[in-house]
C-alpha atoms as a PDB file:
ATOM      1  CA  UNK A   1       0.000   0.000   0.000  1.00  0.00           C
ATOM      2  CA  UNK A   2       1.231   3.493  -0.821  1.00  0.00           C
ATOM      3  CA  UNK A   3       2.304   5.714   1.984  1.00  0.00           C
ATOM      4  CA  UNK A   4       2.822   9.462   1.987  1.00  0.00           C
ATOM      5  CA  UNK A   5       6.264  10.621   3.082  1.00  0.00           C
ATOM      6  CA  UNK A   6       5.931  14.064   4.637  1.00  0.00           C
ATOM      7  CA  UNK A   7       9.678  14.783   4.343  1.00  0.00           C
ATOM      8  CA  UNK A   8       9.284  14.872   0.558  1.00  0.00           C
ATOM      9  CA  UNK A   9       8.148  18.146  -0.979  1.00  0.00           C
ATOM     10  CA  UNK A  10       4.991  18.151  -3.131  1.00  0.00           C
ATOM     11  CA  UNK A  11       5.776  18.644  -6.826  1.00  0.00           C
ATOM     12  CA  UNK A  12       2.812  19.972  -8.826  1.00  0.00           C
ATOM     13  CA  UNK A  13       2.259  18.382 -12.224  1.00  0.00           C
ATOM     14  CA  UNK A  14       0.824  20.098 -15.339  1.00  0.00           C
ATOM     15  CA  UNK A  15      -2.229  18.114 -16.419  1.00  0.00           C
ATOM     16  CA  UNK A  16      -4.375  18.520 -19.542  1.00  0.00           C
ATOM     17  CA  UNK A  17      -7.964  17.226 -19.579  1.00  0.00           C
ATOM     18  CA  UNK A  18      -9.475  15.908 -22.803  1.00  0.00           C
ATOM     19  CA  UNK A  19     -13.146  14.998 -23.047  1.00  0.00           C
ATOM     20  CA  UNK A  20     -14.000  12.746 -25.973  1.00  0.00           C
ATOM     21  CA  UNK A  21     -17.656  13.232 -26.899  1.00  0.00           C
ATOM     22  CA  UNK A  22     -19.930  14.061 -29.808  1.00  0.00           C
ATOM     23  CA  UNK A  23     -22.470  15.684 -27.487  1.00  0.00           C
ATOM     24  CA  UNK A  24     -20.744  17.320 -24.499  1.00  0.00           C
ATOM     25  CA  UNK A  25     -19.898  21.000 -24.096  1.00  0.00           C
ATOM     26  CA  UNK A  26     -17.930  22.705 -21.334  1.00  0.00           C
ATOM     27  CA  UNK A  27     -21.288  23.616 -19.755  1.00  0.00           C
ATOM     28  CA  UNK A  28     -22.384  19.998 -19.270  1.00  0.00           C
ATOM     29  CA  UNK A  29     -19.092  18.074 -19.124  1.00  0.00           C
ATOM     30  CA  UNK A  30     -19.499  16.551 -15.666  1.00  0.00           C
ATOM     31  CA  UNK A  31     -16.660  14.045 -16.128  1.00  0.00           C
ATOM     32  CA  UNK A  32     -14.239  16.747 -17.237  1.00  0.00           C
ATOM     33  CA  UNK A  33     -15.370  18.902 -14.311  1.00  0.00           C
ATOM     34  CA  UNK A  34     -14.726  16.000 -11.932  1.00  0.00           C
ATOM     35  CA  UNK A  35     -11.148  15.690 -13.174  1.00  0.00           C
ATOM     36  CA  UNK A  36     -10.531  19.455 -13.115  1.00  0.00           C
ATOM     37  CA  UNK A  37     -11.814  19.673  -9.525  1.00  0.00           C
ATOM     38  CA  UNK A  38      -9.605  16.800  -8.388  1.00  0.00           C
ATOM     39  CA  UNK A  39      -6.535  18.178 -10.169  1.00  0.00           C
ATOM     40  CA  UNK A  40      -6.954  21.538  -8.432  1.00  0.00           C
ATOM     41  CA  UNK A  41      -7.818  19.925  -5.094  1.00  0.00           C
ATOM     42  CA  UNK A  42      -4.584  17.938  -5.171  1.00  0.00           C
ATOM     43  CA  UNK A  43      -2.522  21.066  -5.903  1.00  0.00           C
ATOM     44  CA  UNK A  44      -1.675  20.304  -9.538  1.00  0.00           C
ATOM     45  CA  UNK A  45      -1.959  22.741 -12.457  1.00  0.00           C
ATOM     46  CA  UNK A  46      -4.582  22.512 -15.205  1.00  0.00           C
ATOM     47  CA  UNK A  47      -2.449  22.937 -18.332  1.00  0.00           C
ATOM     48  CA  UNK A  48      -5.315  22.779 -20.844  1.00  0.00           C
ATOM     49  CA  UNK A  49      -8.861  21.517 -21.291  1.00  0.00           C
ATOM     50  CA  UNK A  50     -10.591  20.591 -24.535  1.00  0.00           C
ATOM     51  CA  UNK A  51     -13.463  18.586 -25.948  1.00  0.00           C
ATOM     52  CA  UNK A  52     -13.004  16.637 -29.182  1.00  0.00           C
ATOM     53  CA  UNK A  53     -15.488  14.424 -31.030  1.00  0.00           C
ATOM     54  CA  UNK A  54     -15.387  10.613 -31.010  1.00  0.00           C
ATOM     55  CA  UNK A  55     -13.032  10.635 -33.979  1.00  0.00           C
ATOM     56  CA  UNK A  56      -9.705   8.826 -33.956  1.00  0.00           C
ATOM     57  CA  UNK A  57      -7.893  11.462 -36.030  1.00  0.00           C
ATOM     58  CA  UNK A  58      -9.156  14.317 -33.832  1.00  0.00           C
ATOM     59  CA  UNK A  59      -8.090  12.488 -30.663  1.00  0.00           C
ATOM     60  CA  UNK A  60      -4.643  11.661 -32.080  1.00  0.00           C
ATOM     61  CA  UNK A  61      -4.127  15.258 -33.247  1.00  0.00           C
ATOM     62  CA  UNK A  62      -4.887  16.640 -29.778  1.00  0.00           C
ATOM     63  CA  UNK A  63      -2.708  14.015 -28.079  1.00  0.00           C
ATOM     64  CA  UNK A  64       0.196  14.774 -30.421  1.00  0.00           C
ATOM     65  CA  UNK A  65      -0.202  18.514 -29.776  1.00  0.00           C
ATOM     66  CA  UNK A  66      -0.093  18.033 -26.012  1.00  0.00           C
ATOM     67  CA  UNK A  67       2.719  15.444 -26.147  1.00  0.00           C
ATOM     68  CA  UNK A  68       4.817  18.033 -28.020  1.00  0.00           C
ATOM     69  CA  UNK A  69       3.968  20.770 -25.483  1.00  0.00           C
ATOM     70  CA  UNK A  70       6.624  20.957 -22.733  1.00  0.00           C
ATOM     71  CA  UNK A  71       3.999  22.531 -20.451  1.00  0.00           C
ATOM     72  CA  UNK A  72       1.931  19.298 -20.407  1.00  0.00           C
ATOM     73  CA  UNK A  73       3.233  16.461 -18.203  1.00  0.00           C
ATOM     74  CA  UNK A  74       0.065  14.346 -18.114  1.00  0.00           C
ATOM     75  CA  UNK A  75      -3.046  13.976 -20.259  1.00  0.00           C
ATOM     76  CA  UNK A  76      -6.248  12.642 -18.682  1.00  0.00           C
ATOM     77  CA  UNK A  77      -9.023  11.862 -21.117  1.00  0.00           C
ATOM     78  CA  UNK A  78     -12.578  10.873 -20.354  1.00  0.00           C
ATOM     79  CA  UNK A  79     -14.947   9.168 -22.769  1.00  0.00           C
ATOM     80  CA  UNK A  80     -14.842   6.820 -25.710  1.00  0.00           C
ATOM     81  CA  UNK A  81     -13.401   3.795 -23.896  1.00  0.00           C
ATOM     82  CA  UNK A  82     -16.403   1.498 -24.297  1.00  0.00           C
ATOM     83  CA  UNK A  83     -17.146  -1.102 -26.944  1.00  0.00           C
ATOM     84  CA  UNK A  84     -19.608   0.699 -29.223  1.00  0.00           C
ATOM     85  CA  UNK A  85     -18.798   1.645 -32.789  1.00  0.00           C
ATOM     86  CA  UNK A  86     -17.997   5.274 -31.892  1.00  0.00           C
ATOM     87  CA  UNK A  87     -15.667   4.335 -28.999  1.00  0.00           C
ATOM     88  CA  UNK A  88     -12.195   4.807 -30.493  1.00  0.00           C
ATOM     89  CA  UNK A  89     -10.229   6.426 -27.677  1.00  0.00           C
ATOM     90  CA  UNK A  90      -8.119   3.341 -26.788  1.00  0.00           C
ATOM     91  CA  UNK A  91      -7.160   2.870 -30.438  1.00  0.00           C
ATOM     92  CA  UNK A  92      -6.181   6.538 -30.745  1.00  0.00           C
ATOM     93  CA  UNK A  93      -4.105   6.373 -27.576  1.00  0.00           C
ATOM     94  CA  UNK A  94      -2.412   3.112 -28.613  1.00  0.00           C
ATOM     95  CA  UNK A  95      -1.354   4.689 -31.901  1.00  0.00           C
ATOM     96  CA  UNK A  96       0.734   7.333 -30.083  1.00  0.00           C
ATOM     97  CA  UNK A  97       2.130   5.252 -27.199  1.00  0.00           C
ATOM     98  CA  UNK A  98       5.831   4.599 -27.018  1.00  0.00           C
ATOM     99  CA  UNK A  99       5.167   2.368 -24.012  1.00  0.00           C
ATOM    100  CA  UNK A 100       1.873   1.056 -22.696  1.00  0.00           C
ATOM    101  CA  UNK A 101       1.235   1.026 -18.943  1.00  0.00           C
ATOM    102  CA  UNK A 102      -0.861  -2.146 -19.034  1.00  0.00           C
ATOM    103  CA  UNK A 103      -1.256  -2.318 -15.265  1.00  0.00           C
ATOM    104  CA  UNK A 104      -3.305   0.886 -15.200  1.00  0.00           C
ATOM    105  CA  UNK A 105      -6.264  -0.585 -17.096  1.00  0.00           C
ATOM    106  CA  UNK A 106      -6.018  -3.831 -15.164  1.00  0.00           C
ATOM    107  CA  UNK A 107      -5.956  -2.045 -11.800  1.00  0.00           C
ATOM    108  CA  UNK A 108      -8.764   0.316 -12.822  1.00  0.00           C
ATOM    109  CA  UNK A 109     -11.031  -2.589 -13.764  1.00  0.00           C
ATOM    110  CA  UNK A 110     -10.173  -4.481 -10.579  1.00  0.00           C
ATOM    111  CA  UNK A 111     -11.068  -1.484  -8.413  1.00  0.00           C
ATOM    112  CA  UNK A 112     -14.134  -0.725 -10.518  1.00  0.00           C
ATOM    113  CA  UNK A 113     -15.362  -4.302 -10.136  1.00  0.00           C
ATOM    114  CA  UNK A 114     -15.735  -3.681  -6.397  1.00  0.00           C
ATOM    115  CA  UNK A 115     -18.167  -0.838  -7.191  1.00  0.00           C
ATOM    116  CA  UNK A 116     -20.037  -1.811 -10.374  1.00  0.00           C
ATOM    117  CA  UNK A 117     -19.463  -5.545 -10.634  1.00  0.00           C
ATOM    118  CA  UNK A 118     -19.083  -7.253 -13.963  1.00  0.00           C
ATOM    119  CA  UNK A 119     -20.104  -4.113 -15.903  1.00  0.00           C
ATOM    120  CA  UNK A 120     -16.477  -3.033 -15.532  1.00  0.00           C
ATOM    121  CA  UNK A 121     -15.584  -5.465 -18.315  1.00  0.00           C
ATOM    122  CA  UNK A 122     -17.056  -2.939 -20.767  1.00  0.00           C
ATOM    123  CA  UNK A 123     -14.289  -0.454 -19.924  1.00  0.00           C
ATOM    124  CA  UNK A 124     -11.186  -0.304 -22.044  1.00  0.00           C
ATOM    125  CA  UNK A 125      -9.403   2.222 -19.808  1.00  0.00           C
ATOM    126  CA  UNK A 126      -5.769   2.426 -20.840  1.00  0.00           C
ATOM    127  CA  UNK A 127      -2.540   4.306 -20.184  1.00  0.00           C
ATOM    128  CA  UNK A 128       0.871   4.823 -21.686  1.00  0.00           C
ATOM    129  CA  UNK A 129       3.777   7.160 -22.224  1.00  0.00           C
ATOM    130  CA  UNK A 130       4.781   9.142 -25.317  1.00  0.00           C
ATOM    131  CA  UNK A 131       7.367  11.904 -25.660  1.00  0.00           C
ATOM    132  CA  UNK A 132       7.854  12.028 -21.902  1.00  0.00           C
ATOM    133  CA  UNK A 133       4.124  12.615 -21.316  1.00  0.00           C
ATOM    134  CA  UNK A 134       1.864  10.277 -19.370  1.00  0.00           C
ATOM    135  CA  UNK A 135      -1.443   9.486 -21.105  1.00  0.00           C
ATOM    136  CA  UNK A 136      -4.486   8.081 -19.302  1.00  0.00           C
ATOM    137  CA  UNK A 137      -7.799   7.250 -21.025  1.00  0.00           C
ATOM    138  CA  UNK A 138     -10.679   6.974 -18.564  1.00  0.00           C
ATOM    139  CA  UNK A 139     -14.327   6.055 -19.084  1.00  0.00           C
ATOM    140  CA  UNK A 140     -16.794   8.879 -19.661  1.00  0.00           C
ATOM    141  CA  UNK A 141     -18.673   8.847 -16.364  1.00  0.00           C
ATOM    142  CA  UNK A 142     -18.003  11.075 -13.348  1.00  0.00           C
ATOM    143  CA  UNK A 143     -17.924   7.966 -11.140  1.00  0.00           C
ATOM    144  CA  UNK A 144     -15.226   6.321 -13.236  1.00  0.00           C
ATOM    145  CA  UNK A 145     -13.196   9.538 -13.232  1.00  0.00           C
ATOM    146  CA  UNK A 146     -13.520   9.774  -9.440  1.00  0.00           C
ATOM    147  CA  UNK A 147     -12.477   6.137  -9.036  1.00  0.00           C
ATOM    148  CA  UNK A 148      -9.443   6.465 -11.325  1.00  0.00           C
ATOM    149  CA  UNK A 149      -8.300   9.667  -9.620  1.00  0.00           C
ATOM    150  CA  UNK A 150      -9.086   8.787  -6.007  1.00  0.00           C
ATOM    151  CA  UNK A 151      -7.882   5.190  -6.107  1.00  0.00           C
ATOM    152  CA  UNK A 152      -4.892   5.393  -8.479  1.00  0.00           C
ATOM    153  CA  UNK A 153      -3.846   8.726  -9.953  1.00  0.00           C
ATOM    154  CA  UNK A 154      -3.858  10.889  -6.826  1.00  0.00           C
ATOM    155  CA  UNK A 155      -1.135   8.603  -5.448  1.00  0.00           C
ATOM    156  CA  UNK A 156       0.878   8.013  -8.608  1.00  0.00           C
ATOM    157  CA  UNK A 157       0.938  11.729  -9.458  1.00  0.00           C
ATOM    158  CA  UNK A 158       2.152  12.740  -5.989  1.00  0.00           C
ATOM    159  CA  UNK A 159       5.918  12.680  -5.458  1.00  0.00           C
ATOM    160  CA  UNK A 160       5.405  12.180  -1.717  1.00  0.00           C
ATOM    161  CA  UNK A 161       3.830   8.744  -2.122  1.00  0.00           C
ATOM    162  CA  UNK A 162       6.098   5.745  -1.748  1.00  0.00           C
ATOM    163  CA  UNK A 163       7.456   3.229  -2.516  1.00  0.00           C
ATOM    164  CA  UNK A 164       7.418   4.764  -6.021  1.00  0.00           C
ATOM    165  CA  UNK A 165       5.289   6.988  -8.218  1.00  0.00           C
ATOM    166  CA  UNK A 166       5.051   8.310 -11.766  1.00  0.00           C
ATOM    167  CA  UNK A 167       6.343  11.776 -10.806  1.00  0.00           C
ATOM    168  CA  UNK A 168       9.749  10.538  -9.694  1.00  0.00           C
ATOM    169  CA  UNK A 169      10.106   8.713 -13.034  1.00  0.00           C
ATOM    170  CA  UNK A 170       9.366  11.845 -15.130  1.00  0.00           C
ATOM    171  CA  UNK A 171      13.017  12.947 -15.467  1.00  0.00           C
ATOM    172  CA  UNK A 172      13.874   9.490 -16.855  1.00  0.00           C
ATOM    173  CA  UNK A 173      11.049   9.082 -19.392  1.00  0.00           C
ATOM    174  CA  UNK A 174      13.162  10.316 -22.287  1.00  0.00           C
ATOM    175  CA  UNK A 175      16.226   8.172 -21.559  1.00  0.00           C
ATOM    176  CA  UNK A 176      17.615   6.470 -24.607  1.00  0.00           C
END
């Protein structure tokens, strides 16, 4: 179990939020709002926030833009991770990954199972790294965003949590 080490200084991370939806706007994007609230509550910086349609090319273009931006350390997306015909977020993310973080999706579904039972199998939540940027694709519900943040990301994006976390690995992501 992770443990916070108070002798370590908190290091804020720059996080971009991407909502993948054909119907949402900033006025009714509850999942995006959930992530933005948690990012701010944890002391991190919101680097950017956008909504793109359920379109693989549009998702890839936004990911590539943010991967190239040195002011974005992490991208959190919400939406498009299901199994319907319009759900293409995992495919878009996979096309830009340099390395997949397979354990993220596995852990998310395990934790989600405790809350929603076998319905969690419909989630294709995924994560990876590209260009020194962490990429996390979350389901499009506020509950799923809360679960991913509260049960996984709040710890892994906090340098004070031990035995290890994603933040302490950031300087080494671009090693050759």
